Amino acid sequence: RDNVKNTVYLQMNSLKAEDTAVYYCNTKTRND
């Protein structure tokens, strides 16, 4: 995460065909 930019990252290396998908960002506080 970058607390200045209010951004969360997912670095993906050595990708495989099995990683093919729609990726969703999620955050949970009092609500999802």
PDB file of all heavy atoms in Angstrom:
ATOM      1  N   ARG A   1       0.829  -1.204   0.000  1.00  0.00           N
ATOM      2  CA  ARG A   1       0.000   0.000   0.000  1.00  0.00           C
ATOM      3  C   ARG A   1       0.859   1.248   0.000  1.00  0.00           C
ATOM      4  O   ARG A   1       1.993   1.258   0.489  1.00  0.00           O
ATOM      5  CB  ARG A   1      -0.948   0.013   1.208  1.00  0.00           C
ATOM      6  CG  ARG A   1      -0.226   0.103   2.553  1.00  0.00           C
ATOM      7  CD  ARG A   1      -1.154  -0.223   3.707  1.00  0.00           C
ATOM      8  NE  ARG A   1      -2.192   0.777   3.884  1.00  0.00           N
ATOM      9  CZ  ARG A   1      -3.296   0.581   4.600  1.00  0.00           C
ATOM     10  NH1 ARG A   1      -3.511  -0.603   5.179  1.00  0.00           N
ATOM     11  NH2 ARG A   1      -4.187   1.549   4.729  1.00  0.00           N
ATOM     12  N   ASP A   2       0.305   2.324  -0.528  1.00  0.00           N
ATOM     13  CA  ASP A   2       0.926   3.636  -0.519  1.00  0.00           C
ATOM     14  C   ASP A   2      -0.038   4.562   0.206  1.00  0.00           C
ATOM     15  O   ASP A   2      -1.110   4.882  -0.315  1.00  0.00           O
ATOM     16  CB  ASP A   2       1.190   4.125  -1.940  1.00  0.00           C
ATOM     17  CG  ASP A   2       1.944   5.438  -1.984  1.00  0.00           C
ATOM     18  OD1 ASP A   2       1.758   6.281  -1.098  1.00  0.00           O
ATOM     19  OD2 ASP A   2       2.738   5.626  -2.932  1.00  0.00           O
ATOM     20  N   ASN A   3       0.335   4.987   1.401  1.00  0.00           N
ATOM     21  CA  ASN A   3      -0.561   5.788   2.223  1.00  0.00           C
ATOM     22  C   ASN A   3      -0.674   7.248   1.775  1.00  0.00           C
ATOM     23  O   ASN A   3      -1.564   7.964   2.225  1.00  0.00           O
ATOM     24  CB  ASN A   3      -0.118   5.737   3.683  1.00  0.00           C
ATOM     25  CG  ASN A   3      -0.287   4.362   4.291  1.00  0.00           C
ATOM     26  OD1 ASN A   3      -1.206   3.625   3.927  1.00  0.00           O
ATOM     27  ND2 ASN A   3       0.582   4.007   5.220  1.00  0.00           N
ATOM     28  N   VAL A   4       0.232   7.672   0.919  1.00  0.00           N
ATOM     29  CA  VAL A   4       0.158   9.024   0.372  1.00  0.00           C
ATOM     30  C   VAL A   4      -0.835   9.069  -0.780  1.00  0.00           C
ATOM     31  O   VAL A   4      -1.650   9.987  -0.888  1.00  0.00           O
ATOM     32  CB  VAL A   4       1.540   9.518  -0.092  1.00  0.00           C
ATOM     33  CG1 VAL A   4       1.412  10.876  -0.775  1.00  0.00           C
ATOM     34  CG2 VAL A   4       2.489   9.599   1.085  1.00  0.00           C
ATOM     35  N   LYS A   5      -0.769   8.062  -1.635  1.00  0.00           N
ATOM     36  CA  LYS A   5      -1.656   7.994  -2.791  1.00  0.00           C
ATOM     37  C   LYS A   5      -2.963   7.269  -2.511  1.00  0.00           C
ATOM     38  O   LYS A   5      -3.823   7.190  -3.393  1.00  0.00           O
ATOM     39  CB  LYS A   5      -0.946   7.309  -3.948  1.00  0.00           C
ATOM     40  CG  LYS A   5       0.271   8.061  -4.457  1.00  0.00           C
ATOM     41  CD  LYS A   5       0.887   7.346  -5.646  1.00  0.00           C
ATOM     42  CE  LYS A   5       2.056   8.114  -6.206  1.00  0.00           C
ATOM     43  NZ  LYS A   5       2.655   7.428  -7.383  1.00  0.00           N
ATOM     44  N   ASN A   6      -3.107   6.717  -1.307  1.00  0.00           N
ATOM     45  CA  ASN A   6      -4.308   5.949  -0.956  1.00  0.00           C
ATOM     46  C   ASN A   6      -4.559   4.841  -1.979  1.00  0.00           C
ATOM     47  O   ASN A   6      -5.666   4.690  -2.502  1.00  0.00           O
ATOM     48  CB  ASN A   6      -5.532   6.867  -0.849  1.00  0.00           C
ATOM     49  CG  ASN A   6      -5.384   7.911   0.226  1.00  0.00           C
ATOM     50  OD1 ASN A   6      -5.015   7.606   1.354  1.00  0.00           O
ATOM     51  ND2 ASN A   6      -5.681   9.155  -0.114  1.00  0.00           N
ATOM     52  N   THR A   7      -3.529   4.074  -2.237  1.00  0.00           N
ATOM     53  CA  THR A   7      -3.569   3.053  -3.272  1.00  0.00           C
ATOM     54  C   THR A   7      -3.012   1.736  -2.754  1.00  0.00           C
ATOM     55  O   THR A   7      -2.010   1.724  -2.035  1.00  0.00           O
ATOM     56  CB  THR A   7      -2.768   3.502  -4.501  1.00  0.00           C
ATOM     57  OG1 THR A   7      -3.329   4.711  -5.020  1.00  0.00           O
ATOM     58  CG2 THR A   7      -2.795   2.443  -5.588  1.00  0.00           C
ATOM     59  N   VAL A   8      -3.663   0.650  -3.119  1.00  0.00           N
ATOM     60  CA  VAL A   8      -3.171  -0.681  -2.808  1.00  0.00           C
ATOM     61  C   VAL A   8      -2.727  -1.339  -4.112  1.00  0.00           C
ATOM     62  O   VAL A   8      -3.362  -1.154  -5.155  1.00  0.00           O
ATOM     63  CB  VAL A   8      -4.238  -1.529  -2.080  1.00  0.00           C
ATOM     64  CG1 VAL A   8      -5.493  -1.685  -2.930  1.00  0.00           C
ATOM     65  CG2 VAL A   8      -3.675  -2.891  -1.707  1.00  0.00           C
ATOM     66  N   TYR A   9      -1.633  -2.093  -4.053  1.00  0.00           N
ATOM     67  CA  TYR A   9      -1.056  -2.712  -5.233  1.00  0.00           C
ATOM     68  C   TYR A   9      -1.006  -4.227  -5.091  1.00  0.00           C
ATOM     69  O   TYR A   9      -0.941  -4.770  -3.989  1.00  0.00           O
ATOM     70  CB  TYR A   9       0.369  -2.216  -5.467  1.00  0.00           C
ATOM     71  CG  TYR A   9       0.496  -0.723  -5.614  1.00  0.00           C
ATOM     72  CD1 TYR A   9       0.835   0.072  -4.527  1.00  0.00           C
ATOM     73  CD2 TYR A   9       0.290  -0.114  -6.843  1.00  0.00           C
ATOM     74  CE1 TYR A   9       0.959   1.442  -4.652  1.00  0.00           C
ATOM     75  CE2 TYR A   9       0.413   1.257  -6.982  1.00  0.00           C
ATOM     76  CZ  TYR A   9       0.748   2.033  -5.887  1.00  0.00           C
ATOM     77  OH  TYR A   9       0.869   3.394  -6.028  1.00  0.00           O
ATOM     78  N   LEU A  10      -1.009  -4.889  -6.224  1.00  0.00           N
ATOM     79  CA  LEU A  10      -0.747  -6.318  -6.270  1.00  0.00           C
ATOM     80  C   LEU A  10       0.301  -6.555  -7.344  1.00  0.00           C
ATOM     81  O   LEU A  10       0.010  -6.439  -8.536  1.00  0.00           O
ATOM     82  CB  LEU A  10      -2.014  -7.119  -6.581  1.00  0.00           C
ATOM     83  CG  LEU A  10      -1.829  -8.639  -6.570  1.00  0.00           C
ATOM     84  CD1 LEU A  10      -1.525  -9.126  -5.147  1.00  0.00           C
ATOM     85  CD2 LEU A  10      -3.068  -9.348  -7.112  1.00  0.00           C
ATOM     86  N   GLN A  11       1.518  -6.852  -6.917  1.00  0.00           N
ATOM     87  CA  GLN A  11       2.593  -7.175  -7.839  1.00  0.00           C
ATOM     88  C   GLN A  11       2.537  -8.663  -8.125  1.00  0.00           C
ATOM     89  O   GLN A  11       2.608  -9.474  -7.205  1.00  0.00           O
ATOM     90  CB  GLN A  11       3.950  -6.807  -7.234  1.00  0.00           C
ATOM     91  CG  GLN A  11       5.143  -7.152  -8.110  1.00  0.00           C
ATOM     92  CD  GLN A  11       5.187  -6.343  -9.378  1.00  0.00           C
ATOM     93  OE1 GLN A  11       5.017  -5.131  -9.349  1.00  0.00           O
ATOM     94  NE2 GLN A  11       5.411  -7.009 -10.508  1.00  0.00           N
ATOM     95  N   MET A  12       2.413  -9.019  -9.393  1.00  0.00           N
ATOM     96  CA  MET A  12       2.282 -10.408  -9.796  1.00  0.00           C
ATOM     97  C   MET A  12       3.463 -10.793 -10.670  1.00  0.00           C
ATOM     98  O   MET A  12       3.653 -10.224 -11.743  1.00  0.00           O
ATOM     99  CB  MET A  12       0.966 -10.628 -10.549  1.00  0.00           C
ATOM    100  CG  MET A  12      -0.263 -10.181  -9.769  1.00  0.00           C
ATOM    101  SD  MET A  12      -1.819 -10.558 -10.621  1.00  0.00           S
ATOM    102  CE  MET A  12      -1.679  -9.449 -12.019  1.00  0.00           C
ATOM    103  N   ASN A  13       4.242 -11.748 -10.206  1.00  0.00           N
ATOM    104  CA  ASN A  13       5.407 -12.230 -10.931  1.00  0.00           C
ATOM    105  C   ASN A  13       5.231 -13.702 -11.285  1.00  0.00           C
ATOM    106  O   ASN A  13       4.414 -14.400 -10.704  1.00  0.00           O
ATOM    107  CB  ASN A  13       6.676 -12.054 -10.102  1.00  0.00           C
ATOM    108  CG  ASN A  13       6.974 -10.621  -9.760  1.00  0.00           C
ATOM    109  OD1 ASN A  13       6.733  -9.712 -10.562  1.00  0.00           O
ATOM    110  ND2 ASN A  13       7.518 -10.391  -8.568  1.00  0.00           N
ATOM    111  N   SER A  14       6.035 -14.164 -12.223  1.00  0.00           N
ATOM    112  CA  SER A  14       6.001 -15.568 -12.658  1.00  0.00           C
ATOM    113  C   SER A  14       4.578 -16.021 -12.944  1.00  0.00           C
ATOM    114  O   SER A  14       4.128 -17.075 -12.482  1.00  0.00           O
ATOM    115  CB  SER A  14       6.644 -16.461 -11.594  1.00  0.00           C
ATOM    116  OG  SER A  14       7.980 -16.083 -11.346  1.00  0.00           O
ATOM    117  N   LEU A  15       3.874 -15.244 -13.713  1.00  0.00           N
ATOM    118  CA  LEU A  15       2.467 -15.511 -13.981  1.00  0.00           C
ATOM    119  C   LEU A  15       2.265 -16.814 -14.753  1.00  0.00           C
ATOM    120  O   LEU A  15       3.069 -17.179 -15.610  1.00  0.00           O
ATOM    121  CB  LEU A  15       1.852 -14.350 -14.743  1.00  0.00           C
ATOM    122  CG  LEU A  15       1.544 -13.122 -13.882  1.00  0.00           C
ATOM    123  CD1 LEU A  15       1.346 -11.891 -14.749  1.00  0.00           C
ATOM    124  CD2 LEU A  15       0.297 -13.384 -13.040  1.00  0.00           C
ATOM    125  N   LYS A  16       1.170 -17.481 -14.419  1.00  0.00           N
ATOM    126  CA  LYS A  16       0.792 -18.741 -15.043  1.00  0.00           C
ATOM    127  C   LYS A  16      -0.566 -18.581 -15.722  1.00  0.00           C
ATOM    128  O   LYS A  16      -1.335 -17.688 -15.378  1.00  0.00           O
ATOM    129  CB  LYS A  16       0.699 -19.852 -13.997  1.00  0.00           C
ATOM    130  CG  LYS A  16       1.930 -20.022 -13.135  1.00  0.00           C
ATOM    131  CD  LYS A  16       1.658 -21.032 -12.027  1.00  0.00           C
ATOM    132  CE  LYS A  16       2.869 -21.201 -11.132  1.00  0.00           C
ATOM    133  NZ  LYS A  16       2.604 -22.165 -10.028  1.00  0.00           N
ATOM    134  N   ALA A  17      -0.862 -19.472 -16.647  1.00  0.00           N
ATOM    135  CA  ALA A  17      -2.162 -19.441 -17.314  1.00  0.00           C
ATOM    136  C   ALA A  17      -3.297 -19.556 -16.310  1.00  0.00           C
ATOM    137  O   ALA A  17      -4.370 -18.973 -16.496  1.00  0.00           O
ATOM    138  CB  ALA A  17      -2.249 -20.568 -18.342  1.00  0.00           C
ATOM    139  N   GLU A  18      -3.062 -20.270 -15.219  1.00  0.00           N
ATOM    140  CA  GLU A  18      -4.054 -20.460 -14.175  1.00  0.00           C
ATOM    141  C   GLU A  18      -4.411 -19.163 -13.453  1.00  0.00           C
ATOM    142  O   GLU A  18      -5.439 -19.085 -12.781  1.00  0.00           O
ATOM    143  CB  GLU A  18      -3.548 -21.502 -13.171  1.00  0.00           C
ATOM    144  CG  GLU A  18      -4.561 -21.959 -12.162  1.00  0.00           C
ATOM    145  CD  GLU A  18      -4.045 -23.101 -11.310  1.00  0.00           C
ATOM    146  OE1 GLU A  18      -3.352 -23.985 -11.861  1.00  0.00           O
ATOM    147  OE2 GLU A  18      -4.334 -23.122 -10.105  1.00  0.00           O
ATOM    148  N   ASP A  19      -3.567 -18.148 -13.586  1.00  0.00           N
ATOM    149  CA  ASP A  19      -3.825 -16.858 -12.946  1.00  0.00           C
ATOM    150  C   ASP A  19      -4.826 -16.013 -13.725  1.00  0.00           C
ATOM    151  O   ASP A  19      -5.235 -14.950 -13.249  1.00  0.00           O
ATOM    152  CB  ASP A  19      -2.522 -16.072 -12.784  1.00  0.00           C
ATOM    153  CG  ASP A  19      -1.545 -16.749 -11.844  1.00  0.00           C
ATOM    154  OD1 ASP A  19      -1.980 -17.260 -10.791  1.00  0.00           O
ATOM    155  OD2 ASP A  19      -0.340 -16.764 -12.170  1.00  0.00           O
ATOM    156  N   THR A  20      -5.202 -16.455 -14.898  1.00  0.00           N
ATOM    157  CA  THR A  20      -6.168 -15.722 -15.709  1.00  0.00           C
ATOM    158  C   THR A  20      -7.495 -15.592 -14.967  1.00  0.00           C
ATOM    159  O   THR A  20      -8.083 -16.585 -14.556  1.00  0.00           O
ATOM    160  CB  THR A  20      -6.391 -16.416 -17.059  1.00  0.00           C
ATOM    161  OG1 THR A  20      -5.181 -16.387 -17.815  1.00  0.00           O
ATOM    162  CG2 THR A  20      -7.485 -15.724 -17.851  1.00  0.00           C
ATOM    163  N   ALA A  21      -7.951 -14.360 -14.789  1.00  0.00           N
ATOM    164  CA  ALA A  21      -9.175 -14.100 -14.037  1.00  0.00           C
ATOM    165  C   ALA A  21      -9.469 -12.612 -14.049  1.00  0.00           C
ATOM    166  O   ALA A  21      -8.653 -11.801 -14.492  1.00  0.00           O
ATOM    167  CB  ALA A  21      -9.025 -14.579 -12.589  1.00  0.00           C
ATOM    168  N   VAL A  22     -10.640 -12.268 -13.549  1.00  0.00           N
ATOM    169  CA  VAL A  22     -10.942 -10.876 -13.254  1.00  0.00           C
ATOM    170  C   VAL A  22     -10.514 -10.639 -11.814  1.00  0.00           C
ATOM    171  O   VAL A  22     -10.918 -11.377 -10.912  1.00  0.00           O
ATOM    172  CB  VAL A  22     -12.434 -10.556 -13.427  1.00  0.00           C
ATOM    173  CG1 VAL A  22     -12.719  -9.110 -13.021  1.00  0.00           C
ATOM    174  CG2 VAL A  22     -12.865 -10.790 -14.867  1.00  0.00           C
ATOM    175  N   TYR A  23      -9.716  -9.618 -11.597  1.00  0.00           N
ATOM    176  CA  TYR A  23      -9.208  -9.308 -10.269  1.00  0.00           C
ATOM    177  C   TYR A  23      -9.963  -8.128  -9.675  1.00  0.00           C
ATOM    178  O   TYR A  23     -10.159  -7.108 -10.329  1.00  0.00           O
ATOM    179  CB  TYR A  23      -7.711  -8.995 -10.329  1.00  0.00           C
ATOM    180  CG  TYR A  23      -6.868 -10.230 -10.496  1.00  0.00           C
ATOM    181  CD1 TYR A  23      -6.850 -10.925 -11.709  1.00  0.00           C
ATOM    182  CD2 TYR A  23      -6.095 -10.730  -9.442  1.00  0.00           C
ATOM    183  CE1 TYR A  23      -6.102 -12.077 -11.859  1.00  0.00           C
ATOM    184  CE2 TYR A  23      -5.341 -11.881  -9.592  1.00  0.00           C
ATOM    185  CZ  TYR A  23      -5.345 -12.553 -10.802  1.00  0.00           C
ATOM    186  OH  TYR A  23      -4.596 -13.696 -10.958  1.00  0.00           O
ATOM    187  N   TYR A  24     -10.357  -8.284  -8.418  1.00  0.00           N
ATOM    188  CA  TYR A  24     -11.155  -7.275  -7.732  1.00  0.00           C
ATOM    189  C   TYR A  24     -10.447  -6.753  -6.493  1.00  0.00           C
ATOM    190  O   TYR A  24      -9.924  -7.529  -5.693  1.00  0.00           O
ATOM    191  CB  TYR A  24     -12.501  -7.855  -7.292  1.00  0.00           C
ATOM    192  CG  TYR A  24     -13.387  -8.320  -8.414  1.00  0.00           C
ATOM    193  CD1 TYR A  24     -13.314  -9.625  -8.886  1.00  0.00           C
ATOM    194  CD2 TYR A  24     -14.301  -7.452  -9.007  1.00  0.00           C
ATOM    195  CE1 TYR A  24     -14.133 -10.060  -9.914  1.00  0.00           C
ATOM    196  CE2 TYR A  24     -15.123  -7.881 -10.032  1.00  0.00           C
ATOM    197  CZ  TYR A  24     -15.035  -9.179 -10.484  1.00  0.00           C
ATOM    198  OH  TYR A  24     -15.852  -9.609 -11.503  1.00  0.00           O
ATOM    199  N   CYS A  25     -10.470  -5.463  -6.321  1.00  0.00           N
ATOM    200  CA  CYS A  25      -9.978  -4.824  -5.120  1.00  0.00           C
ATOM    201  C   CYS A  25     -11.099  -4.773  -4.087  1.00  0.00           C
ATOM    202  O   CYS A  25     -12.259  -4.544  -4.431  1.00  0.00           O
ATOM    203  CB  CYS A  25      -9.497  -3.413  -5.452  1.00  0.00           C
ATOM    204  SG  CYS A  25      -8.812  -2.492  -4.067  1.00  0.00           S
ATOM    205  N   ASN A  26     -10.743  -4.995  -2.832  1.00  0.00           N
ATOM    206  CA  ASN A  26     -11.733  -5.005  -1.759  1.00  0.00           C
ATOM    207  C   ASN A  26     -11.188  -4.310  -0.525  1.00  0.00           C
ATOM    208  O   ASN A  26     -10.012  -4.426  -0.197  1.00  0.00           O
ATOM    209  CB  ASN A  26     -12.110  -6.449  -1.415  1.00  0.00           C
ATOM    210  CG  ASN A  26     -12.857  -6.576  -0.104  1.00  0.00           C
ATOM    211  OD1 ASN A  26     -12.267  -6.876   0.934  1.00  0.00           O
ATOM    212  ND2 ASN A  26     -14.161  -6.353  -0.145  1.00  0.00           N
ATOM    213  N   THR A  27     -12.052  -3.601   0.166  1.00  0.00           N
ATOM    214  CA  THR A  27     -11.676  -3.014   1.450  1.00  0.00           C
ATOM    215  C   THR A  27     -12.828  -3.181   2.427  1.00  0.00           C
ATOM    216  O   THR A  27     -14.000  -3.132   2.045  1.00  0.00           O
ATOM    217  CB  THR A  27     -11.288  -1.534   1.310  1.00  0.00           C
ATOM    218  OG1 THR A  27     -10.846  -1.026   2.578  1.00  0.00           O
ATOM    219  CG2 THR A  27     -12.469  -0.690   0.833  1.00  0.00           C
ATOM    220  N   LYS A  28     -12.475  -3.404   3.682  1.00  0.00           N
ATOM    221  CA  LYS A  28     -13.476  -3.648   4.704  1.00  0.00           C
ATOM    222  C   LYS A  28     -13.256  -2.726   5.888  1.00  0.00           C
ATOM    223  O   LYS A  28     -12.193  -2.719   6.495  1.00  0.00           O
ATOM    224  CB  LYS A  28     -13.424  -5.102   5.166  1.00  0.00           C
ATOM    225  CG  LYS A  28     -14.459  -5.455   6.215  1.00  0.00           C
ATOM    226  CD  LYS A  28     -14.373  -6.928   6.590  1.00  0.00           C
ATOM    227  CE  LYS A  28     -15.408  -7.300   7.632  1.00  0.00           C
ATOM    228  NZ  LYS A  28     -15.329  -8.736   7.993  1.00  0.00           N
ATOM    229  N   THR A  29     -14.271  -1.971   6.221  1.00  0.00           N
ATOM    230  CA  THR A  29     -14.282  -1.160   7.437  1.00  0.00           C
ATOM    231  C   THR A  29     -15.505  -1.602   8.222  1.00  0.00           C
ATOM    232  O   THR A  29     -15.562  -2.737   8.688  1.00  0.00           O
ATOM    233  CB  THR A  29     -14.323   0.339   7.103  1.00  0.00           C
ATOM    234  OG1 THR A  29     -15.430   0.624   6.238  1.00  0.00           O
ATOM    235  CG2 THR A  29     -13.039   0.766   6.399  1.00  0.00           C
ATOM    236  N   ARG A  30     -16.478  -0.737   8.364  1.00  0.00           N
ATOM    237  CA  ARG A  30     -17.764  -1.147   8.914  1.00  0.00           C
ATOM    238  C   ARG A  30     -18.600  -1.811   7.830  1.00  0.00           C
ATOM    239  O   ARG A  30     -19.571  -2.509   8.128  1.00  0.00           O
ATOM    240  CB  ARG A  30     -18.507   0.060   9.490  1.00  0.00           C
ATOM    241  CG  ARG A  30     -17.804   0.695  10.677  1.00  0.00           C
ATOM    242  CD  ARG A  30     -18.454   1.995  11.080  1.00  0.00           C
ATOM    243  NE  ARG A  30     -19.820   1.806  11.551  1.00  0.00           N
ATOM    244  CZ  ARG A  30     -20.616   2.782  11.942  1.00  0.00           C
ATOM    245  NH1 ARG A  30     -20.176   4.039  11.914  1.00  0.00           N
ATOM    246  NH2 ARG A  30     -21.851   2.519  12.350  1.00  0.00           N
ATOM    247  N   ASN A  31     -18.218  -1.600   6.596  1.00  0.00           N
ATOM    248  CA  ASN A  31     -18.880  -2.182   5.437  1.00  0.00           C
ATOM    249  C   ASN A  31     -17.841  -2.724   4.460  1.00  0.00           C
ATOM    250  O   ASN A  31     -16.659  -2.399   4.552  1.00  0.00           O
ATOM    251  CB  ASN A  31     -19.746  -1.147   4.722  1.00  0.00           C
ATOM    252  CG  ASN A  31     -20.838  -0.591   5.596  1.00  0.00           C
ATOM    253  OD1 ASN A  31     -21.752  -1.298   5.994  1.00  0.00           O
ATOM    254  ND2 ASN A  31     -20.740   0.694   5.910  1.00  0.00           N
ATOM    255  N   ASP A  32     -18.295  -3.565   3.529  1.00  0.00           N
ATOM    256  CA  ASP A  32     -17.449  -4.073   2.466  1.00  0.00           C
ATOM    257  C   ASP A  32     -17.629  -3.221   1.220  1.00  0.00           C
ATOM    258  O   ASP A  32     -18.751  -2.863   0.852  1.00  0.00           O
ATOM    259  CB  ASP A  32     -17.804  -5.514   2.124  1.00  0.00           C
ATOM    260  CG  ASP A  32     -17.010  -6.528   2.914  1.00  0.00           C
ATOM    261  OD1 ASP A  32     -15.783  -6.336   3.046  1.00  0.00           O
ATOM    262  OD2 ASP A  32     -17.604  -7.519   3.372  1.00  0.00           O
TER     263      ASP A  32
END
